Amino acid sequence: MFRTTISRIAPVLFAAALLTAAPSATAAPERDKPDDINFLVPAGEGCDFPLQIEGTASNANILTFRDEDGEIVRTITAGRGYTLTYSR
């Protein structure tokens, strides 16, 4: 009789354990693509002249994981980086 009771209750206890042991980042990660970059380094900061830097054609994927409070707990970036163009 004890064996029969355990075999009936075990699946219910297992399911309850799975539901209560949720990981900290329960929501699906947000997928994002990086934007192209374009900025100017003023003269005197790195060179004697102003330097324009443009980054294009990034093939990167950014995954952002958040906890239940919406705080970022992990960010993963993978893929090919930018093609950088430097000009005066």
PDB file of N, CA and C in Angstrom:
ATOM      1  N   MET A   1       0.817  -1.200   0.000  1.00  0.00           N
ATOM      2  CA  MET A   1       0.000   0.000   0.000  1.00  0.00           C
ATOM      3  C   MET A   1       0.861   1.266   0.000  1.00  0.00           C
ATOM      4  N   PHE A   2       1.931   1.264   0.772  1.00  0.00           N
ATOM      5  CA  PHE A   2       2.820   2.426   0.820  1.00  0.00           C
ATOM      6  C   PHE A   2       3.462   2.677  -0.551  1.00  0.00           C
ATOM      7  N   ARG A   3       3.847   1.632  -1.250  1.00  0.00           N
ATOM      8  CA  ARG A   3       4.456   1.730  -2.565  1.00  0.00           C
ATOM      9  C   ARG A   3       3.472   2.321  -3.580  1.00  0.00           C
ATOM     10  N   THR A   4       2.225   1.962  -3.522  1.00  0.00           N
ATOM     11  CA  THR A   4       1.205   2.486  -4.421  1.00  0.00           C
ATOM     12  C   THR A   4       0.982   3.974  -4.178  1.00  0.00           C
ATOM     13  N   THR A   5       0.965   4.386  -2.936  1.00  0.00           N
ATOM     14  CA  THR A   5       0.764   5.800  -2.600  1.00  0.00           C
ATOM     15  C   THR A   5       1.927   6.644  -3.127  1.00  0.00           C
ATOM     16  N   ILE A   6       3.152   6.156  -2.942  1.00  0.00           N
ATOM     17  CA  ILE A   6       4.323   6.896  -3.418  1.00  0.00           C
ATOM     18  C   ILE A   6       4.303   7.007  -4.949  1.00  0.00           C
ATOM     19  N   SER A   7       3.945   5.944  -5.639  1.00  0.00           N
ATOM     20  CA  SER A   7       3.934   5.999  -7.105  1.00  0.00           C
ATOM     21  C   SER A   7       2.866   6.948  -7.630  1.00  0.00           C
ATOM     22  N   ARG A   8       1.832   7.190  -6.880  1.00  0.00           N
ATOM     23  CA  ARG A   8       0.804   8.149  -7.298  1.00  0.00           C
ATOM     24  C   ARG A   8       1.195   9.588  -6.967  1.00  0.00           C
ATOM     25  N   ILE A   9       1.891   9.777  -5.865  1.00  0.00           N
ATOM     26  CA  ILE A   9       2.238  11.121  -5.402  1.00  0.00           C
ATOM     27  C   ILE A   9       3.524  11.624  -6.061  1.00  0.00           C
ATOM     28  N   ALA A  10       4.449  10.740  -6.418  1.00  0.00           N
ATOM     29  CA  ALA A  10       5.753  11.143  -6.940  1.00  0.00           C
ATOM     30  C   ALA A  10       5.662  12.073  -8.141  1.00  0.00           C
ATOM     31  N   PRO A  11       4.830  11.791  -9.161  1.00  0.00           N
ATOM     32  CA  PRO A  11       4.769  12.734 -10.292  1.00  0.00           C
ATOM     33  C   PRO A  11       4.278  14.119  -9.899  1.00  0.00           C
ATOM     34  N   VAL A  12       3.370  14.193  -8.958  1.00  0.00           N
ATOM     35  CA  VAL A  12       2.854  15.486  -8.498  1.00  0.00           C
ATOM     36  C   VAL A  12       3.945  16.251  -7.771  1.00  0.00           C
ATOM     37  N   LEU A  13       4.703  15.572  -6.921  1.00  0.00           N
ATOM     38  CA  LEU A  13       5.795  16.231  -6.198  1.00  0.00           C
ATOM     39  C   LEU A  13       6.897  16.691  -7.156  1.00  0.00           C
ATOM     40  N   PHE A  14       7.175  15.874  -8.165  1.00  0.00           N
ATOM     41  CA  PHE A  14       8.187  16.243  -9.153  1.00  0.00           C
ATOM     42  C   PHE A  14       7.769  17.494  -9.924  1.00  0.00           C
ATOM     43  N   ALA A  15       6.525  17.562 -10.346  1.00  0.00           N
ATOM     44  CA  ALA A  15       6.024  18.732 -11.074  1.00  0.00           C
ATOM     45  C   ALA A  15       6.056  19.975 -10.195  1.00  0.00           C
ATOM     46  N   ALA A  16       5.691  19.829  -8.933  1.00  0.00           N
ATOM     47  CA  ALA A  16       5.719  20.972  -8.014  1.00  0.00           C
ATOM     48  C   ALA A  16       7.150  21.461  -7.813  1.00  0.00           C
ATOM     49  N   ALA A  17       8.105  20.545  -7.739  1.00  0.00           N
ATOM     50  CA  ALA A  17       9.505  20.939  -7.573  1.00  0.00           C
ATOM     51  C   ALA A  17      10.003  21.699  -8.799  1.00  0.00           C
ATOM     52  N   LEU A  18       9.616  21.283  -9.980  1.00  0.00           N
ATOM     53  CA  LEU A  18      10.031  21.993 -11.191  1.00  0.00           C
ATOM     54  C   LEU A  18       9.458  23.397 -11.256  1.00  0.00           C
ATOM     55  N   LEU A  19       8.233  23.560 -10.823  1.00  0.00           N
ATOM     56  CA  LEU A  19       7.592  24.879 -10.879  1.00  0.00           C
ATOM     57  C   LEU A  19       8.165  25.841  -9.858  1.00  0.00           C
ATOM     58  N   THR A  20       8.610  25.350  -8.714  1.00  0.00           N
ATOM     59  CA  THR A  20       9.118  26.247  -7.676  1.00  0.00           C
ATOM     60  C   THR A  20      10.599  26.533  -7.837  1.00  0.00           C
ATOM     61  N   ALA A  21      11.318  25.740  -8.596  1.00  0.00           N
ATOM     62  CA  ALA A  21      12.759  25.935  -8.761  1.00  0.00           C
ATOM     63  C   ALA A  21      13.056  26.674 -10.060  1.00  0.00           C
ATOM     64  N   ALA A  22      12.393  27.790 -10.287  1.00  0.00           N
ATOM     65  CA  ALA A  22      12.582  28.570 -11.513  1.00  0.00           C
ATOM     66  C   ALA A  22      13.907  29.318 -11.461  1.00  0.00           C
ATOM     67  N   PRO A  23      14.629  29.449 -12.574  1.00  0.00           N
ATOM     68  CA  PRO A  23      15.876  30.204 -12.587  1.00  0.00           C
ATOM     69  C   PRO A  23      15.618  31.694 -12.414  1.00  0.00           C
ATOM     70  N   SER A  24      16.688  32.459 -12.139  1.00  0.00           N
ATOM     71  CA  SER A  24      16.530  33.890 -11.870  1.00  0.00           C
ATOM     72  C   SER A  24      16.113  34.673 -13.117  1.00  0.00           C
ATOM     73  N   ALA A  25      16.557  34.252 -14.287  1.00  0.00           N
ATOM     74  CA  ALA A  25      16.171  34.934 -15.520  1.00  0.00           C
ATOM     75  C   ALA A  25      15.137  34.067 -16.237  1.00  0.00           C
ATOM     76  N   THR A  26      13.868  34.292 -15.921  1.00  0.00           N
ATOM     77  CA  THR A  26      12.820  33.410 -16.428  1.00  0.00           C
ATOM     78  C   THR A  26      12.289  33.826 -17.791  1.00  0.00           C
ATOM     79  N   ALA A  27      12.345  35.078 -18.114  1.00  0.00           N
ATOM     80  CA  ALA A  27      11.794  35.549 -19.386  1.00  0.00           C
ATOM     81  C   ALA A  27      12.752  35.222 -20.528  1.00  0.00           C
ATOM     82  N   ALA A  28      12.215  35.192 -21.725  1.00  0.00           N
ATOM     83  CA  ALA A  28      13.052  34.951 -22.905  1.00  0.00           C
ATOM     84  C   ALA A  28      14.000  36.131 -23.087  1.00  0.00           C
ATOM     85  N   PRO A  29      15.209  35.866 -23.568  1.00  0.00           N
ATOM     86  CA  PRO A  29      16.153  36.968 -23.756  1.00  0.00           C
ATOM     87  C   PRO A  29      15.703  37.903 -24.870  1.00  0.00           C
ATOM     88  N   GLU A  30      16.091  39.151 -24.734  1.00  0.00           N
ATOM     89  CA  GLU A  30      15.800  40.136 -25.768  1.00  0.00           C
ATOM     90  C   GLU A  30      16.900  40.037 -26.820  1.00  0.00           C
ATOM     91  N   ARG A  31      16.521  39.908 -28.079  1.00  0.00           N
ATOM     92  CA  ARG A  31      17.501  39.845 -29.165  1.00  0.00           C
ATOM     93  C   ARG A  31      17.598  41.223 -29.802  1.00  0.00           C
ATOM     94  N   ASP A  32      18.831  41.624 -30.084  1.00  0.00           N
ATOM     95  CA  ASP A  32      19.052  42.965 -30.603  1.00  0.00           C
ATOM     96  C   ASP A  32      20.214  42.931 -31.593  1.00  0.00           C
ATOM     97  N   LYS A  33      20.224  43.864 -32.510  1.00  0.00           N
ATOM     98  CA  LYS A  33      21.328  44.055 -33.450  1.00  0.00           C
ATOM     99  C   LYS A  33      21.965  45.402 -33.144  1.00  0.00           C
ATOM    100  N   PRO A  34      23.290  45.481 -33.144  1.00  0.00           N
ATOM    101  CA  PRO A  34      23.924  46.776 -32.858  1.00  0.00           C
ATOM    102  C   PRO A  34      23.741  47.749 -34.018  1.00  0.00           C
ATOM    103  N   ASP A  35      23.655  49.010 -33.682  1.00  0.00           N
ATOM    104  CA  ASP A  35      23.568  50.067 -34.691  1.00  0.00           C
ATOM    105  C   ASP A  35      24.960  50.367 -35.235  1.00  0.00           C
ATOM    106  N   ASP A  36      25.012  50.997 -36.403  1.00  0.00           N
ATOM    107  CA  ASP A  36      26.284  51.482 -36.918  1.00  0.00           C
ATOM    108  C   ASP A  36      26.779  52.584 -35.994  1.00  0.00           C
ATOM    109  N   ILE A  37      28.101  52.730 -35.933  1.00  0.00           N
ATOM    110  CA  ILE A  37      28.663  53.771 -35.069  1.00  0.00           C
ATOM    111  C   ILE A  37      29.304  54.846 -35.945  1.00  0.00           C
ATOM    112  N   ASN A  38      29.292  56.067 -35.439  1.00  0.00           N
ATOM    113  CA  ASN A  38      29.854  57.198 -36.146  1.00  0.00           C
ATOM    114  C   ASN A  38      30.163  58.272 -35.112  1.00  0.00           C
ATOM    115  N   PHE A  39      31.438  58.527 -34.870  1.00  0.00           N
ATOM    116  CA  PHE A  39      31.765  59.581 -33.920  1.00  0.00           C
ATOM    117  C   PHE A  39      33.067  60.262 -34.305  1.00  0.00           C
ATOM    118  N   LEU A  40      33.265  61.433 -33.738  1.00  0.00           N
ATOM    119  CA  LEU A  40      34.415  62.283 -34.015  1.00  0.00           C
ATOM    120  C   LEU A  40      35.261  62.397 -32.755  1.00  0.00           C
ATOM    121  N   VAL A  41      36.547  62.099 -32.903  1.00  0.00           N
ATOM    122  CA  VAL A  41      37.500  62.302 -31.807  1.00  0.00           C
ATOM    123  C   VAL A  41      38.131  63.670 -32.040  1.00  0.00           C
ATOM    124  N   PRO A  42      37.939  64.600 -31.101  1.00  0.00           N
ATOM    125  CA  PRO A  42      38.463  65.957 -31.306  1.00  0.00           C
ATOM    126  C   PRO A  42      39.991  65.982 -31.411  1.00  0.00           C
ATOM    127  N   ALA A  43      40.491  66.996 -32.098  1.00  0.00           N
ATOM    128  CA  ALA A  43      41.945  67.182 -32.217  1.00  0.00           C
ATOM    129  C   ALA A  43      42.549  67.339 -30.832  1.00  0.00           C
ATOM    130  N   GLY A  44      43.703  66.705 -30.636  1.00  0.00           N
ATOM    131  CA  GLY A  44      44.393  66.811 -29.360  1.00  0.00           C
ATOM    132  C   GLY A  44      44.092  65.663 -28.405  1.00  0.00           C
ATOM    133  N   GLU A  45      43.030  64.893 -28.625  1.00  0.00           N
ATOM    134  CA  GLU A  45      42.724  63.765 -27.737  1.00  0.00           C
ATOM    135  C   GLU A  45      43.525  62.525 -28.077  1.00  0.00           C
ATOM    136  N   GLY A  46      43.725  62.255 -29.346  1.00  0.00           N
ATOM    137  CA  GLY A  46      44.499  61.097 -29.761  1.00  0.00           C
ATOM    138  C   GLY A  46      45.531  61.475 -30.804  1.00  0.00           C
ATOM    139  N   CYS A  47      45.208  62.490 -31.585  1.00  0.00           N
ATOM    140  CA  CYS A  47      46.072  62.967 -32.671  1.00  0.00           C
ATOM    141  C   CYS A  47      46.088  64.493 -32.639  1.00  0.00           C
ATOM    142  N   ASP A  48      46.930  65.051 -33.486  1.00  0.00           N
ATOM    143  CA  ASP A  48      46.953  66.514 -33.603  1.00  0.00           C
ATOM    144  C   ASP A  48      45.830  67.028 -34.487  1.00  0.00           C
ATOM    145  N   PHE A  49      45.077  66.144 -35.083  1.00  0.00           N
ATOM    146  CA  PHE A  49      43.991  66.508 -35.991  1.00  0.00           C
ATOM    147  C   PHE A  49      42.716  65.768 -35.560  1.00  0.00           C
ATOM    148  N   PRO A  50      41.543  66.276 -35.953  1.00  0.00           N
ATOM    149  CA  PRO A  50      40.307  65.555 -35.623  1.00  0.00           C
ATOM    150  C   PRO A  50      40.232  64.237 -36.404  1.00  0.00           C
ATOM    151  N   LEU A  51      39.678  63.196 -35.772  1.00  0.00           N
ATOM    152  CA  LEU A  51      39.614  61.879 -36.391  1.00  0.00           C
ATOM    153  C   LEU A  51      38.162  61.391 -36.395  1.00  0.00           C
ATOM    154  N   GLN A  52      37.649  61.106 -37.580  1.00  0.00           N
ATOM    155  CA  GLN A  52      36.295  60.586 -37.746  1.00  0.00           C
ATOM    156  C   GLN A  52      36.380  59.059 -37.779  1.00  0.00           C
ATOM    157  N   ILE A  53      35.552  58.370 -36.970  1.00  0.00           N
ATOM    158  CA  ILE A  53      35.536  56.903 -36.936  1.00  0.00           C
ATOM    159  C   ILE A  53      34.122  56.434 -37.259  1.00  0.00           C
ATOM    160  N   GLU A  54      34.015  55.580 -38.285  1.00  0.00           N
ATOM    161  CA  GLU A  54      32.729  55.007 -38.679  1.00  0.00           C
ATOM    162  C   GLU A  54      32.827  53.496 -38.605  1.00  0.00           C
ATOM    163  N   GLY A  55      31.820  52.859 -37.996  1.00  0.00           N
ATOM    164  CA  GLY A  55      31.762  51.408 -37.916  1.00  0.00           C
ATOM    165  C   GLY A  55      30.483  50.921 -38.576  1.00  0.00           C
ATOM    166  N   THR A  56      30.624  50.044 -39.573  1.00  0.00           N
ATOM    167  CA  THR A  56      29.463  49.540 -40.316  1.00  0.00           C
ATOM    168  C   THR A  56      29.561  48.026 -40.468  1.00  0.00           C
ATOM    169  N   ALA A  57      28.496  47.443 -40.986  1.00  0.00           N
ATOM    170  CA  ALA A  57      28.437  46.038 -41.386  1.00  0.00           C
ATOM    171  C   ALA A  57      28.702  45.062 -40.250  1.00  0.00           C
ATOM    172  N   SER A  58      28.218  45.357 -39.056  1.00  0.00           N
ATOM    173  CA  SER A  58      28.365  44.418 -37.952  1.00  0.00           C
ATOM    174  C   SER A  58      27.357  43.285 -38.115  1.00  0.00           C
ATOM    175  N   ASN A  59      27.816  42.073 -37.883  1.00  0.00           N
ATOM    176  CA  ASN A  59      26.960  40.901 -37.964  1.00  0.00           C
ATOM    177  C   ASN A  59      26.723  40.337 -36.562  1.00  0.00           C
ATOM    178  N   ALA A  60      26.848  41.153 -35.557  1.00  0.00           N
ATOM    179  CA  ALA A  60      26.746  40.698 -34.174  1.00  0.00           C
ATOM    180  C   ALA A  60      25.289  40.535 -33.748  1.00  0.00           C
ATOM    181  N   ASN A  61      25.081  39.642 -32.798  1.00  0.00           N
ATOM    182  CA  ASN A  61      23.786  39.466 -32.140  1.00  0.00           C
ATOM    183  C   ASN A  61      23.987  39.723 -30.657  1.00  0.00           C
ATOM    184  N   ILE A  62      23.089  40.480 -30.070  1.00  0.00           N
ATOM    185  CA  ILE A  62      23.178  40.799 -28.658  1.00  0.00           C
ATOM    186  C   ILE A  62      21.975  40.183 -27.954  1.00  0.00           C
ATOM    187  N   LEU A  63      22.231  39.357 -26.944  1.00  0.00           N
ATOM    188  CA  LEU A  63      21.169  38.773 -26.122  1.00  0.00           C
ATOM    189  C   LEU A  63      21.247  39.397 -24.741  1.00  0.00           C
ATOM    190  N   THR A  64      20.147  39.922 -24.257  1.00  0.00           N
ATOM    191  CA  THR A  64      20.090  40.533 -22.940  1.00  0.00           C
ATOM    192  C   THR A  64      19.113  39.755 -22.083  1.00  0.00           C
ATOM    193  N   PHE A  65      19.573  39.283 -20.930  1.00  0.00           N
ATOM    194  CA  PHE A  65      18.738  38.537 -19.994  1.00  0.00           C
ATOM    195  C   PHE A  65      18.421  39.430 -18.803  1.00  0.00           C
ATOM    196  N   ARG A  66      17.163  39.426 -18.389  1.00  0.00           N
ATOM    197  CA  ARG A  66      16.726  40.239 -17.247  1.00  0.00           C
ATOM    198  C   ARG A  66      16.103  39.357 -16.179  1.00  0.00           C
ATOM    199  N   ASP A  67      16.176  39.798 -14.915  1.00  0.00           N
ATOM    200  CA  ASP A  67      15.530  39.062 -13.832  1.00  0.00           C
ATOM    201  C   ASP A  67      14.076  39.507 -13.685  1.00  0.00           C
ATOM    202  N   GLU A  68      13.393  39.007 -12.656  1.00  0.00           N
ATOM    203  CA  GLU A  68      11.975  39.327 -12.478  1.00  0.00           C
ATOM    204  C   GLU A  68      11.725  40.815 -12.259  1.00  0.00           C
ATOM    205  N   ASP A  69      12.738  41.540 -11.748  1.00  0.00           N
ATOM    206  CA  ASP A  69      12.590  42.977 -11.487  1.00  0.00           C
ATOM    207  C   ASP A  69      12.933  43.826 -12.706  1.00  0.00           C
ATOM    208  N   GLY A  70      13.328  43.190 -13.802  1.00  0.00           N
ATOM    209  CA  GLY A  70      13.676  43.927 -15.007  1.00  0.00           C
ATOM    210  C   GLY A  70      15.127  44.359 -15.068  1.00  0.00           C
ATOM    211  N   GLU A  71      15.926  43.977 -14.077  1.00  0.00           N
ATOM    212  CA  GLU A  71      17.341  44.334 -14.066  1.00  0.00           C
ATOM    213  C   GLU A  71      18.118  43.401 -14.984  1.00  0.00           C
ATOM    214  N   ILE A  72      19.097  43.931 -15.698  1.00  0.00           N
ATOM    215  CA  ILE A  72      19.923  43.111 -16.586  1.00  0.00           C
ATOM    216  C   ILE A  72      20.833  42.237 -15.735  1.00  0.00           C
ATOM    217  N   VAL A  73      20.797  40.921 -15.983  1.00  0.00           N
ATOM    218  CA  VAL A  73      21.649  39.992 -15.246  1.00  0.00           C
ATOM    219  C   VAL A  73      22.757  39.417 -16.123  1.00  0.00           C
ATOM    220  N   ARG A  74      22.579  39.443 -17.446  1.00  0.00           N
ATOM    221  CA  ARG A  74      23.598  38.906 -18.345  1.00  0.00           C
ATOM    222  C   ARG A  74      23.396  39.483 -19.740  1.00  0.00           C
ATOM    223  N   THR A  75      24.494  39.783 -20.410  1.00  0.00           N
ATOM    224  CA  THR A  75      24.460  40.211 -21.805  1.00  0.00           C
ATOM    225  C   THR A  75      25.501  39.409 -22.567  1.00  0.00           C
ATOM    226  N   ILE A  76      25.088  38.817 -23.668  1.00  0.00           N
ATOM    227  CA  ILE A  76      25.999  38.040 -24.500  1.00  0.00           C
ATOM    228  C   ILE A  76      26.025  38.681 -25.887  1.00  0.00           C
ATOM    229  N   THR A  77      27.235  38.964 -26.381  1.00  0.00           N
ATOM    230  CA  THR A  77      27.408  39.492 -27.731  1.00  0.00           C
ATOM    231  C   THR A  77      28.256  38.509 -28.520  1.00  0.00           C
ATOM    232  N   ALA A  78      27.756  38.091 -29.669  1.00  0.00           N
ATOM    233  CA  ALA A  78      28.488  37.134 -30.499  1.00  0.00           C
ATOM    234  C   ALA A  78      28.322  37.501 -31.962  1.00  0.00           C
ATOM    235  N   GLY A  79      29.311  37.168 -32.756  1.00  0.00           N
ATOM    236  CA  GLY A  79      29.252  37.443 -34.184  1.00  0.00           C
ATOM    237  C   GLY A  79      30.444  38.264 -34.633  1.00  0.00           C
ATOM    238  N   ARG A  80      30.395  38.734 -35.861  1.00  0.00           N
ATOM    239  CA  ARG A  80      31.474  39.539 -36.433  1.00  0.00           C
ATOM    240  C   ARG A  80      31.289  40.987 -36.019  1.00  0.00           C
ATOM    241  N   GLY A  81      32.379  41.638 -35.703  1.00  0.00           N
ATOM    242  CA  GLY A  81      32.328  43.037 -35.282  1.00  0.00           C
ATOM    243  C   GLY A  81      32.191  44.002 -36.448  1.00  0.00           C
ATOM    244  N   TYR A  82      32.497  45.241 -36.194  1.00  0.00           N
ATOM    245  CA  TYR A  82      32.345  46.310 -37.182  1.00  0.00           C
ATOM    246  C   TYR A  82      33.499  46.351 -38.173  1.00  0.00           C
ATOM    247  N   THR A  83      33.211  46.863 -39.355  1.00  0.00           N
ATOM    248  CA  THR A  83      34.250  47.291 -40.287  1.00  0.00           C
ATOM    249  C   THR A  83      34.488  48.758 -39.981  1.00  0.00           C
ATOM    250  N   LEU A  84      35.689  49.087 -39.519  1.00  0.00           N
ATOM    251  CA  LEU A  84      35.989  50.454 -39.095  1.00  0.00           C
ATOM    252  C   LEU A  84      36.677  51.232 -40.199  1.00  0.00           C
ATOM    253  N   THR A  85      36.234  52.491 -40.370  1.00  0.00           N
ATOM    254  CA  THR A  85      36.844  53.405 -41.332  1.00  0.00           C
ATOM    255  C   THR A  85      37.282  54.646 -40.569  1.00  0.00           C
ATOM    256  N   TYR A  86      38.558  54.964 -40.680  1.00  0.00           N
ATOM    257  CA  TYR A  86      39.117  56.141 -40.025  1.00  0.00           C
ATOM    258  C   TYR A  86      39.385  57.199 -41.098  1.00  0.00           C
ATOM    259  N   SER A  87      38.985  58.430 -40.848  1.00  0.00           N
ATOM    260  CA  SER A  87      39.244  59.511 -41.802  1.00  0.00           C
ATOM    261  C   SER A  87      39.492  60.807 -41.064  1.00  0.00           C
ATOM    262  N   ARG A  88      40.120  61.741 -41.755  1.00  0.00           N
ATOM    263  CA  ARG A  88      40.426  63.045 -41.173  1.00  0.00           C
ATOM    264  C   ARG A  88      39.323  64.016 -41.453  1.00  0.00           C
TER     265      ARG A  88
END
